[in-house]
Amino acid sequence: LSPREQECLQWVCRGKSSADIGIILTLSPRTVDSYLEKVC
């Protein structure tokens, strides 16, 4: 996994939504979803 994919997944592990992760990482929720789709 890329560092960004790991980072997004780590936040999912902590119960964060795509919107929350987007705020934390300054990404759009859609970009977060894209990273998580690649992870899956």
PDB file of all heavy atoms in Angstrom:
ATOM      1  N   LEU A   1       0.847  -1.182   0.000  1.00  0.00           N
ATOM      2  CA  LEU A   1       0.000   0.000   0.000  1.00  0.00           C
ATOM      3  C   LEU A   1       0.885   1.235   0.000  1.00  0.00           C
ATOM      4  O   LEU A   1       1.929   1.256   0.644  1.00  0.00           O
ATOM      5  CB  LEU A   1      -0.890   0.019   1.251  1.00  0.00           C
ATOM      6  CG  LEU A   1      -1.805  -1.178   1.468  1.00  0.00           C
ATOM      7  CD1 LEU A   1      -2.617  -0.984   2.743  1.00  0.00           C
ATOM      8  CD2 LEU A   1      -2.719  -1.402   0.284  1.00  0.00           C
ATOM      9  N   SER A   2       0.434   2.262  -0.711  1.00  0.00           N
ATOM     10  CA  SER A   2       1.172   3.522  -0.700  1.00  0.00           C
ATOM     11  C   SER A   2       1.054   4.138   0.695  1.00  0.00           C
ATOM     12  O   SER A   2       0.124   3.823   1.443  1.00  0.00           O
ATOM     13  CB  SER A   2       0.598   4.486  -1.738  1.00  0.00           C
ATOM     14  OG  SER A   2      -0.639   5.013  -1.286  1.00  0.00           O
ATOM     15  N   PRO A   3       1.966   5.028   1.039  1.00  0.00           N
ATOM     16  CA  PRO A   3       1.858   5.692   2.340  1.00  0.00           C
ATOM     17  C   PRO A   3       0.498   6.373   2.537  1.00  0.00           C
ATOM     18  O   PRO A   3      -0.084   6.320   3.620  1.00  0.00           O
ATOM     19  CB  PRO A   3       2.992   6.714   2.317  1.00  0.00           C
ATOM     20  CG  PRO A   3       3.998   6.117   1.388  1.00  0.00           C
ATOM     21  CD  PRO A   3       3.193   5.392   0.340  1.00  0.00           C
ATOM     22  N   ARG A   4      -0.047   6.979   1.497  1.00  0.00           N
ATOM     23  CA  ARG A   4      -1.339   7.666   1.607  1.00  0.00           C
ATOM     24  C   ARG A   4      -2.467   6.658   1.811  1.00  0.00           C
ATOM     25  O   ARG A   4      -3.395   6.904   2.596  1.00  0.00           O
ATOM     26  CB  ARG A   4      -1.573   8.501   0.343  1.00  0.00           C
ATOM     27  CG  ARG A   4      -2.508   9.651   0.520  1.00  0.00           C
ATOM     28  CD  ARG A   4      -2.117  10.538   1.692  1.00  0.00           C
ATOM     29  NE  ARG A   4      -2.334  11.912   1.388  1.00  0.00           N
ATOM     30  CZ  ARG A   4      -2.228  12.891   2.257  1.00  0.00           C
ATOM     31  NH1 ARG A   4      -1.882  12.660   3.499  1.00  0.00           N
ATOM     32  NH2 ARG A   4      -2.429  14.114   1.900  1.00  0.00           N
ATOM     33  N   GLU A   5      -2.397   5.516   1.110  1.00  0.00           N
ATOM     34  CA  GLU A   5      -3.404   4.466   1.293  1.00  0.00           C
ATOM     35  C   GLU A   5      -3.361   3.935   2.724  1.00  0.00           C
ATOM     36  O   GLU A   5      -4.401   3.759   3.361  1.00  0.00           O
ATOM     37  CB  GLU A   5      -3.178   3.324   0.297  1.00  0.00           C
ATOM     38  CG  GLU A   5      -3.488   3.697  -1.140  1.00  0.00           C
ATOM     39  CD  GLU A   5      -2.963   2.716  -2.161  1.00  0.00           C
ATOM     40  OE1 GLU A   5      -2.135   1.850  -1.818  1.00  0.00           O
ATOM     41  OE2 GLU A   5      -3.376   2.831  -3.332  1.00  0.00           O
ATOM     42  N   GLN A   6      -2.161   3.727   3.238  1.00  0.00           N
ATOM     43  CA  GLN A   6      -2.012   3.257   4.625  1.00  0.00           C
ATOM     44  C   GLN A   6      -2.584   4.275   5.599  1.00  0.00           C
ATOM     45  O   GLN A   6      -3.260   3.914   6.565  1.00  0.00           O
ATOM     46  CB  GLN A   6      -0.535   3.021   4.961  1.00  0.00           C
ATOM     47  CG  GLN A   6       0.033   1.763   4.366  1.00  0.00           C
ATOM     48  CD  GLN A   6       1.493   1.594   4.710  1.00  0.00           C
ATOM     49  OE1 GLN A   6       2.286   2.529   4.572  1.00  0.00           O
ATOM     50  NE2 GLN A   6       1.861   0.410   5.148  1.00  0.00           N
ATOM     51  N   GLU A   7      -2.289   5.537   5.335  1.00  0.00           N
ATOM     52  CA  GLU A   7      -2.756   6.611   6.212  1.00  0.00           C
ATOM     53  C   GLU A   7      -4.287   6.659   6.259  1.00  0.00           C
ATOM     54  O   GLU A   7      -4.884   6.724   7.333  1.00  0.00           O
ATOM     55  CB  GLU A   7      -2.206   7.935   5.671  1.00  0.00           C
ATOM     56  CG  GLU A   7      -2.014   9.010   6.673  1.00  0.00           C
ATOM     57  CD  GLU A   7      -1.287  10.211   6.076  1.00  0.00           C
ATOM     58  OE1 GLU A   7      -1.071  10.284   4.846  1.00  0.00           O
ATOM     59  OE2 GLU A   7      -0.950  11.093   6.881  1.00  0.00           O
ATOM     60  N   CYS A   8      -4.918   6.593   5.092  1.00  0.00           N
ATOM     61  CA  CYS A   8      -6.383   6.603   5.030  1.00  0.00           C
ATOM     62  C   CYS A   8      -6.946   5.392   5.774  1.00  0.00           C
ATOM     63  O   CYS A   8      -7.889   5.523   6.561  1.00  0.00           O
ATOM     64  CB  CYS A   8      -6.860   6.595   3.581  1.00  0.00           C
ATOM     65  SG  CYS A   8      -6.603   8.152   2.703  1.00  0.00           S
ATOM     66  N   LEU A   9      -6.362   4.234   5.546  1.00  0.00           N
ATOM     67  CA  LEU A   9      -6.854   3.016   6.182  1.00  0.00           C
ATOM     68  C   LEU A   9      -6.651   3.053   7.694  1.00  0.00           C
ATOM     69  O   LEU A   9      -7.496   2.591   8.456  1.00  0.00           O
ATOM     70  CB  LEU A   9      -6.155   1.798   5.566  1.00  0.00           C
ATOM     71  CG  LEU A   9      -6.832   0.454   5.797  1.00  0.00           C
ATOM     72  CD1 LEU A   9      -8.268   0.468   5.301  1.00  0.00           C
ATOM     73  CD2 LEU A   9      -6.048  -0.657   5.139  1.00  0.00           C
ATOM     74  N   GLN A  10      -5.549   3.649   8.112  1.00  0.00           N
ATOM     75  CA  GLN A  10      -5.292   3.784   9.553  1.00  0.00           C
ATOM     76  C   GLN A  10      -6.392   4.619  10.210  1.00  0.00           C
ATOM     77  O   GLN A  10      -6.856   4.290  11.296  1.00  0.00           O
ATOM     78  CB  GLN A  10      -3.921   4.446   9.769  1.00  0.00           C
ATOM     79  CG  GLN A  10      -3.439   4.409  11.195  1.00  0.00           C
ATOM     80  CD  GLN A  10      -2.979   3.032  11.638  1.00  0.00           C
ATOM     81  OE1 GLN A  10      -2.071   2.466  11.052  1.00  0.00           O
ATOM     82  NE2 GLN A  10      -3.612   2.489  12.642  1.00  0.00           N
ATOM     83  N   TRP A  11      -6.843   5.675   9.525  1.00  0.00           N
ATOM     84  CA  TRP A  11      -7.921   6.510  10.071  1.00  0.00           C
ATOM     85  C   TRP A  11      -9.246   5.765  10.057  1.00  0.00           C
ATOM     86  O   TRP A  11     -10.065   5.935  10.971  1.00  0.00           O
ATOM     87  CB  TRP A  11      -8.006   7.841   9.334  1.00  0.00           C
ATOM     88  CG  TRP A  11      -6.924   8.790   9.740  1.00  0.00           C
ATOM     89  CD1 TRP A  11      -5.872   9.219   8.979  1.00  0.00           C
ATOM     90  CD2 TRP A  11      -6.761   9.403  11.026  1.00  0.00           C
ATOM     91  NE1 TRP A  11      -5.069  10.062   9.717  1.00  0.00           N
ATOM     92  CE2 TRP A  11      -5.589  10.193  10.973  1.00  0.00           C
ATOM     93  CE3 TRP A  11      -7.483   9.370  12.213  1.00  0.00           C
ATOM     94  CZ2 TRP A  11      -5.130  10.936  12.057  1.00  0.00           C
ATOM     95  CZ3 TRP A  11      -7.031  10.105  13.305  1.00  0.00           C
ATOM     96  CH2 TRP A  11      -5.864  10.879  13.209  1.00  0.00           C
ATOM     97  N   VAL A  12      -9.488   4.943   9.029  1.00  0.00           N
ATOM     98  CA  VAL A  12     -10.695   4.104   9.015  1.00  0.00           C
ATOM     99  C   VAL A  12     -10.675   3.187  10.232  1.00  0.00           C
ATOM    100  O   VAL A  12     -11.684   3.012  10.913  1.00  0.00           O
ATOM    101  CB  VAL A  12     -10.789   3.269   7.716  1.00  0.00           C
ATOM    102  CG1 VAL A  12     -11.913   2.231   7.822  1.00  0.00           C
ATOM    103  CG2 VAL A  12     -11.014   4.167   6.514  1.00  0.00           C
ATOM    104  N   CYS A  13      -9.507   2.628  10.528  1.00  0.00           N
ATOM    105  CA  CYS A  13      -9.335   1.744  11.679  1.00  0.00           C
ATOM    106  C   CYS A  13      -9.711   2.469  12.970  1.00  0.00           C
ATOM    107  O   CYS A  13     -10.184   1.846  13.923  1.00  0.00           O
ATOM    108  CB  CYS A  13      -7.885   1.248  11.723  1.00  0.00           C
ATOM    109  SG  CYS A  13      -7.547   0.026  12.993  1.00  0.00           S
ATOM    110  N   ARG A  14      -9.533   3.765  12.992  1.00  0.00           N
ATOM    111  CA  ARG A  14      -9.868   4.561  14.183  1.00  0.00           C
ATOM    112  C   ARG A  14     -11.297   5.086  14.142  1.00  0.00           C
ATOM    113  O   ARG A  14     -11.667   5.955  14.930  1.00  0.00           O
ATOM    114  CB  ARG A  14      -8.892   5.727  14.309  1.00  0.00           C
ATOM    115  CG  ARG A  14      -7.483   5.245  14.597  1.00  0.00           C
ATOM    116  CD  ARG A  14      -6.565   6.366  15.014  1.00  0.00           C
ATOM    117  NE  ARG A  14      -5.294   5.803  15.439  1.00  0.00           N
ATOM    118  CZ  ARG A  14      -4.149   5.998  14.814  1.00  0.00           C
ATOM    119  NH1 ARG A  14      -4.077   6.758  13.748  1.00  0.00           N
ATOM    120  NH2 ARG A  14      -3.041   5.445  15.279  1.00  0.00           N
ATOM    121  N   GLY A  15     -12.080   4.606  13.177  1.00  0.00           N
ATOM    122  CA  GLY A  15     -13.503   4.941  13.140  1.00  0.00           C
ATOM    123  C   GLY A  15     -13.869   6.208  12.403  1.00  0.00           C
ATOM    124  O   GLY A  15     -14.999   6.688  12.526  1.00  0.00           O
ATOM    125  N   LYS A  16     -12.942   6.755  11.630  1.00  0.00           N
ATOM    126  CA  LYS A  16     -13.229   8.015  10.932  1.00  0.00           C
ATOM    127  C   LYS A  16     -13.929   7.770   9.593  1.00  0.00           C
ATOM    128  O   LYS A  16     -13.647   6.798   8.897  1.00  0.00           O
ATOM    129  CB  LYS A  16     -11.931   8.790  10.671  1.00  0.00           C
ATOM    130  CG  LYS A  16     -11.173   9.174  11.928  1.00  0.00           C
ATOM    131  CD  LYS A  16     -11.969  10.106  12.800  1.00  0.00           C
ATOM    132  CE  LYS A  16     -11.163  10.562  14.009  1.00  0.00           C
ATOM    133  NZ  LYS A  16     -11.985  11.301  14.959  1.00  0.00           N
ATOM    134  N   SER A  17     -14.821   8.692   9.237  1.00  0.00           N
ATOM    135  CA  SER A  17     -15.511   8.648   7.935  1.00  0.00           C
ATOM    136  C   SER A  17     -14.612   9.256   6.863  1.00  0.00           C
ATOM    137  O   SER A  17     -13.601   9.904   7.169  1.00  0.00           O
ATOM    138  CB  SER A  17     -16.800   9.461   8.012  1.00  0.00           C
ATOM    139  OG  SER A  17     -16.487  10.843   8.150  1.00  0.00           O
ATOM    140  N   SER A  18     -15.008   9.082   5.616  1.00  0.00           N
ATOM    141  CA  SER A  18     -14.255   9.704   4.518  1.00  0.00           C
ATOM    142  C   SER A  18     -14.206  11.222   4.679  1.00  0.00           C
ATOM    143  O   SER A  18     -13.181  11.843   4.410  1.00  0.00           O
ATOM    144  CB  SER A  18     -14.876   9.347   3.166  1.00  0.00           C
ATOM    145  OG  SER A  18     -14.720   7.976   2.909  1.00  0.00           O
ATOM    146  N   ALA A  19     -15.315  11.806   5.122  1.00  0.00           N
ATOM    147  CA  ALA A  19     -15.343  13.267   5.324  1.00  0.00           C
ATOM    148  C   ALA A  19     -14.347  13.667   6.415  1.00  0.00           C
ATOM    149  O   ALA A  19     -13.586  14.631   6.247  1.00  0.00           O
ATOM    150  CB  ALA A  19     -16.748  13.729   5.680  1.00  0.00           C
ATOM    151  N   ASP A  20     -14.343  12.908   7.523  1.00  0.00           N
ATOM    152  CA  ASP A  20     -13.397  13.196   8.613  1.00  0.00           C
ATOM    153  C   ASP A  20     -11.952  13.067   8.134  1.00  0.00           C
ATOM    154  O   ASP A  20     -11.108  13.918   8.414  1.00  0.00           O
ATOM    155  CB  ASP A  20     -13.573  12.204   9.778  1.00  0.00           C
ATOM    156  CG  ASP A  20     -14.893  12.368  10.513  1.00  0.00           C
ATOM    157  OD1 ASP A  20     -15.462  13.474  10.488  1.00  0.00           O
ATOM    158  OD2 ASP A  20     -15.345  11.365  11.115  1.00  0.00           O
ATOM    159  N   ILE A  21     -11.687  11.978   7.426  1.00  0.00           N
ATOM    160  CA  ILE A  21     -10.317  11.723   6.936  1.00  0.00           C
ATOM    161  C   ILE A  21      -9.900  12.835   5.978  1.00  0.00           C
ATOM    162  O   ILE A  21      -8.763  13.301   6.014  1.00  0.00           O
ATOM    163  CB  ILE A  21     -10.225  10.337   6.262  1.00  0.00           C
ATOM    164  CG1 ILE A  21     -10.516   9.233   7.285  1.00  0.00           C
ATOM    165  CG2 ILE A  21      -8.840  10.131   5.639  1.00  0.00           C
ATOM    166  CD1 ILE A  21     -10.772   7.861   6.678  1.00  0.00           C
ATOM    167  N   GLY A  22     -10.843  13.264   5.147  1.00  0.00           N
ATOM    168  CA  GLY A  22     -10.551  14.357   4.211  1.00  0.00           C
ATOM    169  C   GLY A  22     -10.127  15.622   4.935  1.00  0.00           C
ATOM    170  O   GLY A  22      -9.170  16.294   4.529  1.00  0.00           O
ATOM    171  N   ILE A  23     -10.815  15.928   6.028  1.00  0.00           N
ATOM    172  CA  ILE A  23     -10.467  17.116   6.810  1.00  0.00           C
ATOM    173  C   ILE A  23      -9.075  16.941   7.432  1.00  0.00           C
ATOM    174  O   ILE A  23      -8.240  17.834   7.366  1.00  0.00           O
ATOM    175  CB  ILE A  23     -11.531  17.390   7.897  1.00  0.00           C
ATOM    176  CG1 ILE A  23     -12.837  17.840   7.228  1.00  0.00           C
ATOM    177  CG2 ILE A  23     -11.042  18.430   8.902  1.00  0.00           C
ATOM    178  CD1 ILE A  23     -14.047  17.816   8.142  1.00  0.00           C
ATOM    179  N   ILE A  24      -8.840  15.772   8.020  1.00  0.00           N
ATOM    180  CA  ILE A  24      -7.558  15.508   8.682  1.00  0.00           C
ATOM    181  C   ILE A  24      -6.393  15.605   7.693  1.00  0.00           C
ATOM    182  O   ILE A  24      -5.343  16.176   8.000  1.00  0.00           O
ATOM    183  CB  ILE A  24      -7.579  14.120   9.357  1.00  0.00           C
ATOM    184  CG1 ILE A  24      -8.584  14.106  10.524  1.00  0.00           C
ATOM    185  CG2 ILE A  24      -6.190  13.720   9.847  1.00  0.00           C
ATOM    186  CD1 ILE A  24      -8.981  12.710  10.991  1.00  0.00           C
ATOM    187  N   LEU A  25      -6.582  15.018   6.500  1.00  0.00           N
ATOM    188  CA  LEU A  25      -5.478  14.937   5.525  1.00  0.00           C
ATOM    189  C   LEU A  25      -5.557  16.014   4.443  1.00  0.00           C
ATOM    190  O   LEU A  25      -4.761  15.996   3.504  1.00  0.00           O
ATOM    191  CB  LEU A  25      -5.482  13.552   4.855  1.00  0.00           C
ATOM    192  CG  LEU A  25      -5.330  12.353   5.791  1.00  0.00           C
ATOM    193  CD1 LEU A  25      -5.358  11.051   4.989  1.00  0.00           C
ATOM    194  CD2 LEU A  25      -4.047  12.450   6.607  1.00  0.00           C
ATOM    195  N   THR A  26      -6.491  16.950   4.581  1.00  0.00           N
ATOM    196  CA  THR A  26      -6.752  17.985   3.580  1.00  0.00           C
ATOM    197  C   THR A  26      -6.902  17.400   2.170  1.00  0.00           C
ATOM    198  O   THR A  26      -6.224  17.788   1.228  1.00  0.00           O
ATOM    199  CB  THR A  26      -5.693  19.132   3.600  1.00  0.00           C
ATOM    200  OG1 THR A  26      -4.404  18.601   3.309  1.00  0.00           O
ATOM    201  CG2 THR A  26      -5.677  19.841   4.940  1.00  0.00           C
ATOM    202  N   LEU A  27      -7.832  16.447   2.087  1.00  0.00           N
ATOM    203  CA  LEU A  27      -8.218  15.831   0.812  1.00  0.00           C
ATOM    204  C   LEU A  27      -9.736  15.917   0.697  1.00  0.00           C
ATOM    205  O   LEU A  27     -10.422  16.059   1.707  1.00  0.00           O
ATOM    206  CB  LEU A  27      -7.820  14.347   0.792  1.00  0.00           C
ATOM    207  CG  LEU A  27      -6.352  13.980   0.962  1.00  0.00           C
ATOM    208  CD1 LEU A  27      -6.213  12.480   1.179  1.00  0.00           C
ATOM    209  CD2 LEU A  27      -5.567  14.421  -0.258  1.00  0.00           C
ATOM    210  N   SER A  28     -10.249  15.788  -0.512  1.00  0.00           N
ATOM    211  CA  SER A  28     -11.707  15.715  -0.644  1.00  0.00           C
ATOM    212  C   SER A  28     -12.151  14.314  -0.212  1.00  0.00           C
ATOM    213  O   SER A  28     -11.384  13.348  -0.339  1.00  0.00           O
ATOM    214  CB  SER A  28     -12.135  15.977  -2.092  1.00  0.00           C
ATOM    215  OG  SER A  28     -11.900  14.830  -2.889  1.00  0.00           O
ATOM    216  N   PRO A  29     -13.378  14.200   0.293  1.00  0.00           N
ATOM    217  CA  PRO A  29     -13.881  12.871   0.649  1.00  0.00           C
ATOM    218  C   PRO A  29     -13.826  11.906  -0.537  1.00  0.00           C
ATOM    219  O   PRO A  29     -13.563  10.720  -0.370  1.00  0.00           O
ATOM    220  CB  PRO A  29     -15.327  13.134   1.079  1.00  0.00           C
ATOM    221  CG  PRO A  29     -15.324  14.558   1.537  1.00  0.00           C
ATOM    222  CD  PRO A  29     -14.319  15.261   0.651  1.00  0.00           C
ATOM    223  N   ARG A  30     -14.032  12.419  -1.735  1.00  0.00           N
ATOM    224  CA  ARG A  30     -13.981  11.574  -2.946  1.00  0.00           C
ATOM    225  C   ARG A  30     -12.571  11.018  -3.147  1.00  0.00           C
ATOM    226  O   ARG A  30     -12.401   9.858  -3.540  1.00  0.00           O
ATOM    227  CB  ARG A  30     -14.425  12.394  -4.167  1.00  0.00           C
ATOM    228  CG  ARG A  30     -14.411  11.628  -5.454  1.00  0.00           C
ATOM    229  CD  ARG A  30     -15.502  10.541  -5.470  1.00  0.00           C
ATOM    230  NE  ARG A  30     -15.220   9.572  -6.502  1.00  0.00           N
ATOM    231  CZ  ARG A  30     -14.777   8.327  -6.289  1.00  0.00           C
ATOM    232  NH1 ARG A  30     -14.565   7.880  -5.074  1.00  0.00           N
ATOM    233  NH2 ARG A  30     -14.542   7.514  -7.296  1.00  0.00           N
ATOM    234  N   THR A  31     -11.559  11.829  -2.888  1.00  0.00           N
ATOM    235  CA  THR A  31     -10.172  11.364  -3.018  1.00  0.00           C
ATOM    236  C   THR A  31      -9.886  10.285  -1.975  1.00  0.00           C
ATOM    237  O   THR A  31      -9.256   9.268  -2.272  1.00  0.00           O
ATOM    238  CB  THR A  31      -9.192  12.547  -2.873  1.00  0.00           C
ATOM    239  OG1 THR A  31      -9.482  13.502  -3.906  1.00  0.00           O
ATOM    240  CG2 THR A  31      -7.751  12.096  -3.001  1.00  0.00           C
ATOM    241  N   VAL A  32     -10.385  10.497  -0.765  1.00  0.00           N
ATOM    242  CA  VAL A  32     -10.225   9.487   0.288  1.00  0.00           C
ATOM    243  C   VAL A  32     -10.879   8.182  -0.161  1.00  0.00           C
ATOM    244  O   VAL A  32     -10.285   7.102  -0.059  1.00  0.00           O
ATOM    245  CB  VAL A  32     -10.836   9.972   1.621  1.00  0.00           C
ATOM    246  CG1 VAL A  32     -10.844   8.853   2.655  1.00  0.00           C
ATOM    247  CG2 VAL A  32     -10.087  11.191   2.145  1.00  0.00           C
ATOM    248  N   ASP A  33     -12.110   8.272  -0.687  1.00  0.00           N
ATOM    249  CA  ASP A  33     -12.809   7.080  -1.168  1.00  0.00           C
ATOM    250  C   ASP A  33     -12.004   6.380  -2.269  1.00  0.00           C
ATOM    251  O   ASP A  33     -11.949   5.154  -2.313  1.00  0.00           O
ATOM    252  CB  ASP A  33     -14.194   7.436  -1.703  1.00  0.00           C
ATOM    253  CG  ASP A  33     -15.186   7.763  -0.602  1.00  0.00           C
ATOM    254  OD1 ASP A  33     -14.945   7.369   0.567  1.00  0.00           O
ATOM    255  OD2 ASP A  33     -16.202   8.421  -0.904  1.00  0.00           O
ATOM    256  N   SER A  34     -11.400   7.159  -3.132  1.00  0.00           N
ATOM    257  CA  SER A  34     -10.586   6.596  -4.211  1.00  0.00           C
ATOM    258  C   SER A  34      -9.406   5.801  -3.643  1.00  0.00           C
ATOM    259  O   SER A  34      -9.120   4.685  -4.094  1.00  0.00           O
ATOM    260  CB  SER A  34     -10.103   7.723  -5.121  1.00  0.00           C
ATOM    261  OG  SER A  34      -9.260   7.208  -6.120  1.00  0.00           O
ATOM    262  N   TYR A  35      -8.713   6.377  -2.659  1.00  0.00           N
ATOM    263  CA  TYR A  35      -7.610   5.652  -2.018  1.00  0.00           C
ATOM    264  C   TYR A  35      -8.113   4.351  -1.399  1.00  0.00           C
ATOM    265  O   TYR A  35      -7.492   3.297  -1.536  1.00  0.00           O
ATOM    266  CB  TYR A  35      -6.952   6.504  -0.926  1.00  0.00           C
ATOM    267  CG  TYR A  35      -5.990   7.533  -1.433  1.00  0.00           C
ATOM    268  CD1 TYR A  35      -6.174   8.882  -1.160  1.00  0.00           C
ATOM    269  CD2 TYR A  35      -4.869   7.173  -2.170  1.00  0.00           C
ATOM    270  CE1 TYR A  35      -5.283   9.850  -1.615  1.00  0.00           C
ATOM    271  CE2 TYR A  35      -3.972   8.121  -2.630  1.00  0.00           C
ATOM    272  CZ  TYR A  35      -4.187   9.457  -2.354  1.00  0.00           C
ATOM    273  OH  TYR A  35      -3.294  10.401  -2.817  1.00  0.00           O
ATOM    274  N   LEU A  36      -9.256   4.417  -0.728  1.00  0.00           N
ATOM    275  CA  LEU A  36      -9.779   3.233  -0.043  1.00  0.00           C
ATOM    276  C   LEU A  36     -10.270   2.180  -1.035  1.00  0.00           C
ATOM    277  O   LEU A  36     -10.149   0.980  -0.778  1.00  0.00           O
ATOM    278  CB  LEU A  36     -10.869   3.636   0.940  1.00  0.00           C
ATOM    279  CG  LEU A  36     -10.355   4.477   2.120  1.00  0.00           C
ATOM    280  CD1 LEU A  36     -11.512   5.025   2.932  1.00  0.00           C
ATOM    281  CD2 LEU A  36      -9.395   3.679   3.002  1.00  0.00           C
ATOM    282  N   GLU A  37     -10.781   2.616  -2.192  1.00  0.00           N
ATOM    283  CA  GLU A  37     -11.165   1.665  -3.239  1.00  0.00           C
ATOM    284  C   GLU A  37      -9.931   0.926  -3.754  1.00  0.00           C
ATOM    285  O   GLU A  37      -9.980  -0.285  -3.989  1.00  0.00           O
ATOM    286  CB  GLU A  37     -11.861   2.384  -4.393  1.00  0.00           C
ATOM    287  CG  GLU A  37     -13.288   2.792  -4.080  1.00  0.00           C
ATOM    288  CD  GLU A  37     -13.858   3.791  -5.087  1.00  0.00           C
ATOM    289  OE1 GLU A  37     -13.311   3.926  -6.198  1.00  0.00           O
ATOM    290  OE2 GLU A  37     -14.868   4.435  -4.737  1.00  0.00           O
ATOM    291  N   LYS A  38      -8.823   1.656  -3.919  1.00  0.00           N
ATOM    292  CA  LYS A  38      -7.575   1.016  -4.358  1.00  0.00           C
ATOM    293  C   LYS A  38      -7.096   0.007  -3.323  1.00  0.00           C
ATOM    294  O   LYS A  38      -6.619  -1.069  -3.669  1.00  0.00           O
ATOM    295  CB  LYS A  38      -6.494   2.069  -4.612  1.00  0.00           C
ATOM    296  CG  LYS A  38      -6.726   2.883  -5.855  1.00  0.00           C
ATOM    297  CD  LYS A  38      -5.648   3.934  -6.031  1.00  0.00           C
ATOM    298  CE  LYS A  38      -6.031   4.904  -7.116  1.00  0.00           C
ATOM    299  NZ  LYS A  38      -5.310   6.159  -7.021  1.00  0.00           N
ATOM    300  N   VAL A  39      -7.215   0.371  -2.043  1.00  0.00           N
ATOM    301  CA  VAL A  39      -6.820  -0.535  -0.959  1.00  0.00           C
ATOM    302  C   VAL A  39      -7.647  -1.817  -1.028  1.00  0.00           C
ATOM    303  O   VAL A  39      -7.100  -2.926  -0.963  1.00  0.00           O
ATOM    304  CB  VAL A  39      -6.999   0.144   0.422  1.00  0.00           C
ATOM    305  CG1 VAL A  39      -6.882  -0.879   1.541  1.00  0.00           C
ATOM    306  CG2 VAL A  39      -5.987   1.264   0.609  1.00  0.00           C
ATOM    307  N   CYS A  40      -8.963  -1.677  -1.169  1.00  0.00           N
ATOM    308  CA  CYS A  40      -9.840  -2.850  -1.234  1.00  0.00           C
ATOM    309  C   CYS A  40      -9.473  -3.739  -2.423  1.00  0.00           C
ATOM    310  O   CYS A  40      -9.436  -4.968  -2.293  1.00  0.00           O
ATOM    311  CB  CYS A  40     -11.302  -2.428  -1.319  1.00  0.00           C
ATOM    312  SG  CYS A  40     -11.961  -1.784   0.242  1.00  0.00           S
TER     313      CYS A  40
END
